[in-house]
Amino acid sequence: MANPDTLVYLMDETLAQLESLVRARPTPRWLKLRRTHLEPLRALCPCGLNPLLAYFSAGAESLETVLSADLDKGEKSMLCQGWHFLAQNEIEALCEGCCRVCAPALSFPDG
């Protein structure tokens, strides 16, 4: 997969994408149509080896810490949804190229 140490160089681009997404102000209908992107980040990577899981989790924590006092509840929700949407798209894209089989192991009854 990707080298986690190089992901730090993506942060400026990720924040620029987040800014564009938040400025576009998606409508509630848009979010309903894309509800799958509001699932837990690990939902598309059950093996947990995708380095973007840690990248986007750390970014979410940082946004929460830095901006929590400066935003009202609606703005904070919009920012978190935008971040999560970007994260889910990037995680899904990297997992699509993964050769690891993440299906759960089969179990057979005794006998």
Protein backbone atom coordinates (compact mmCIF):
# COMPACT_ATOMS: atom_id res chain seq x y z
CA MET A 1 0.00 0.00 0.00
CA ALA A 2 1.12 3.61 0.39
CA ASN A 3 3.97 4.78 2.57
CA PRO A 4 2.30 6.40 5.63
CA ASP A 5 5.22 8.79 6.15
CA THR A 6 4.57 10.49 2.80
CA LEU A 7 0.91 11.19 3.58
CA VAL A 8 1.87 14.35 5.47
CA TYR A 9 2.57 15.96 2.09
CA LEU A 10 -1.05 15.44 1.05
CA MET A 11 -2.54 17.56 3.84
CA ASP A 12 -2.47 20.88 1.96
CA GLU A 13 -4.30 19.31 -0.98
CA THR A 14 -6.80 17.56 1.32
CA LEU A 15 -7.56 20.82 3.12
CA ALA A 16 -8.00 22.61 -0.23
CA GLN A 17 -10.48 19.92 -1.29
CA LEU A 18 -12.32 20.28 2.01
CA GLU A 19 -12.53 24.03 1.57
CA SER A 20 -14.00 23.62 -1.92
CA LEU A 21 -16.52 21.08 -0.69
CA VAL A 22 -17.62 23.18 2.28
CA ARG A 23 -17.89 26.34 0.18
CA ALA A 24 -20.19 24.47 -2.24
CA ARG A 25 -22.54 23.88 0.73
CA PRO A 26 -24.24 20.64 -0.25
CA THR A 27 -27.98 20.50 0.31
CA PRO A 28 -29.58 18.04 2.76
CA ARG A 29 -30.91 16.09 -0.25
CA TRP A 30 -27.32 15.64 -1.49
CA LEU A 31 -26.30 14.12 1.83
CA LYS A 32 -29.30 11.74 1.80
CA LEU A 33 -28.31 10.47 -1.64
CA ARG A 34 -24.76 9.83 -0.44
CA ARG A 35 -25.48 8.40 3.00
CA THR A 36 -23.04 5.54 2.40
CA HIS A 37 -20.26 8.10 2.70
CA LEU A 38 -21.30 8.78 6.27
CA GLU A 39 -20.59 5.22 7.39
CA PRO A 40 -17.67 4.51 9.74
CA LEU A 41 -14.33 4.93 8.01
CA ARG A 42 -13.32 1.33 8.62
CA ALA A 43 -16.43 -0.01 6.85
CA LEU A 44 -14.66 -0.19 3.48
CA CYS A 45 -11.36 -1.52 4.82
CA PRO A 46 -12.04 -4.42 7.15
CA CYS A 47 -8.38 -5.49 7.22
CA GLY A 48 -7.42 -2.06 8.60
CA LEU A 49 -4.20 -1.86 6.60
CA ASN A 50 -5.14 1.20 4.56
CA PRO A 51 -2.80 3.99 5.77
CA LEU A 52 -5.46 6.58 4.93
CA LEU A 53 -7.50 5.34 7.90
CA ALA A 54 -4.95 6.82 10.32
CA TYR A 55 -4.39 9.89 8.12
CA PHE A 56 -8.05 10.87 8.05
CA SER A 57 -8.68 9.89 11.68
CA ALA A 58 -5.82 12.12 12.82
CA GLY A 59 -7.09 14.91 10.57
CA ALA A 60 -10.59 14.65 12.04
CA GLU A 61 -9.19 14.87 15.57
CA SER A 62 -7.09 17.88 14.61
CA LEU A 63 -10.03 19.68 13.05
CA GLU A 64 -12.10 18.98 16.14
CA THR A 65 -9.41 20.33 18.45
CA VAL A 66 -8.47 23.40 16.43
CA LEU A 67 -11.86 24.55 15.21
CA SER A 68 -14.28 23.40 17.89
CA ALA A 69 -14.35 26.78 19.67
CA ASP A 70 -14.62 28.89 16.51
CA LEU A 71 -17.59 27.20 14.80
CA ASP A 72 -21.26 26.94 15.62
CA LYS A 73 -22.96 23.54 15.62
CA GLY A 74 -24.15 23.77 11.99
CA GLU A 75 -20.76 24.84 10.67
CA LYS A 76 -19.01 22.15 12.66
CA SER A 77 -21.41 19.51 11.32
CA MET A 78 -20.85 20.67 7.74
CA LEU A 79 -17.08 20.56 8.19
CA CYS A 80 -17.15 17.09 9.76
CA GLN A 81 -19.42 15.73 7.04
CA GLY A 82 -17.20 17.21 4.33
CA TRP A 83 -14.07 15.73 5.93
CA HIS A 84 -15.75 12.34 6.29
CA PHE A 85 -16.94 12.43 2.68
CA LEU A 86 -13.41 13.13 1.42
CA ALA A 87 -11.98 10.45 3.68
CA GLN A 88 -14.44 7.81 2.55
CA ASN A 89 -13.77 8.54 -1.13
CA GLU A 90 -9.99 8.36 -0.72
CA ILE A 91 -10.07 5.24 1.45
CA GLU A 92 -12.39 3.49 -0.98
CA ALA A 93 -10.18 4.43 -3.94
CA LEU A 94 -7.03 3.03 -2.33
CA CYS A 95 -8.81 -0.13 -1.18
CA GLU A 96 -10.04 -0.79 -4.72
CA GLY A 97 -6.44 -1.27 -5.84
CA CYS A 98 -5.57 -3.55 -2.94
CA CYS A 99 -4.90 -7.20 -3.67
CA ARG A 100 -5.60 -8.36 -0.12
CA VAL A 101 -8.74 -10.43 0.32
CA CYS A 102 -10.59 -8.89 3.25
CA ALA A 103 -13.47 -11.35 3.39
CA PRO A 104 -14.03 -12.98 6.78
CA ALA A 105 -12.66 -16.48 7.19
CA LEU A 106 -15.08 -19.30 6.46
CA SER A 107 -16.07 -21.53 9.33
CA PHE A 108 -17.56 -24.99 8.91
CA PRO A 109 -19.58 -26.85 11.49
CA ASP A 110 -17.96 -29.93 13.02
CA GLY A 111 -19.08 -33.24 11.70
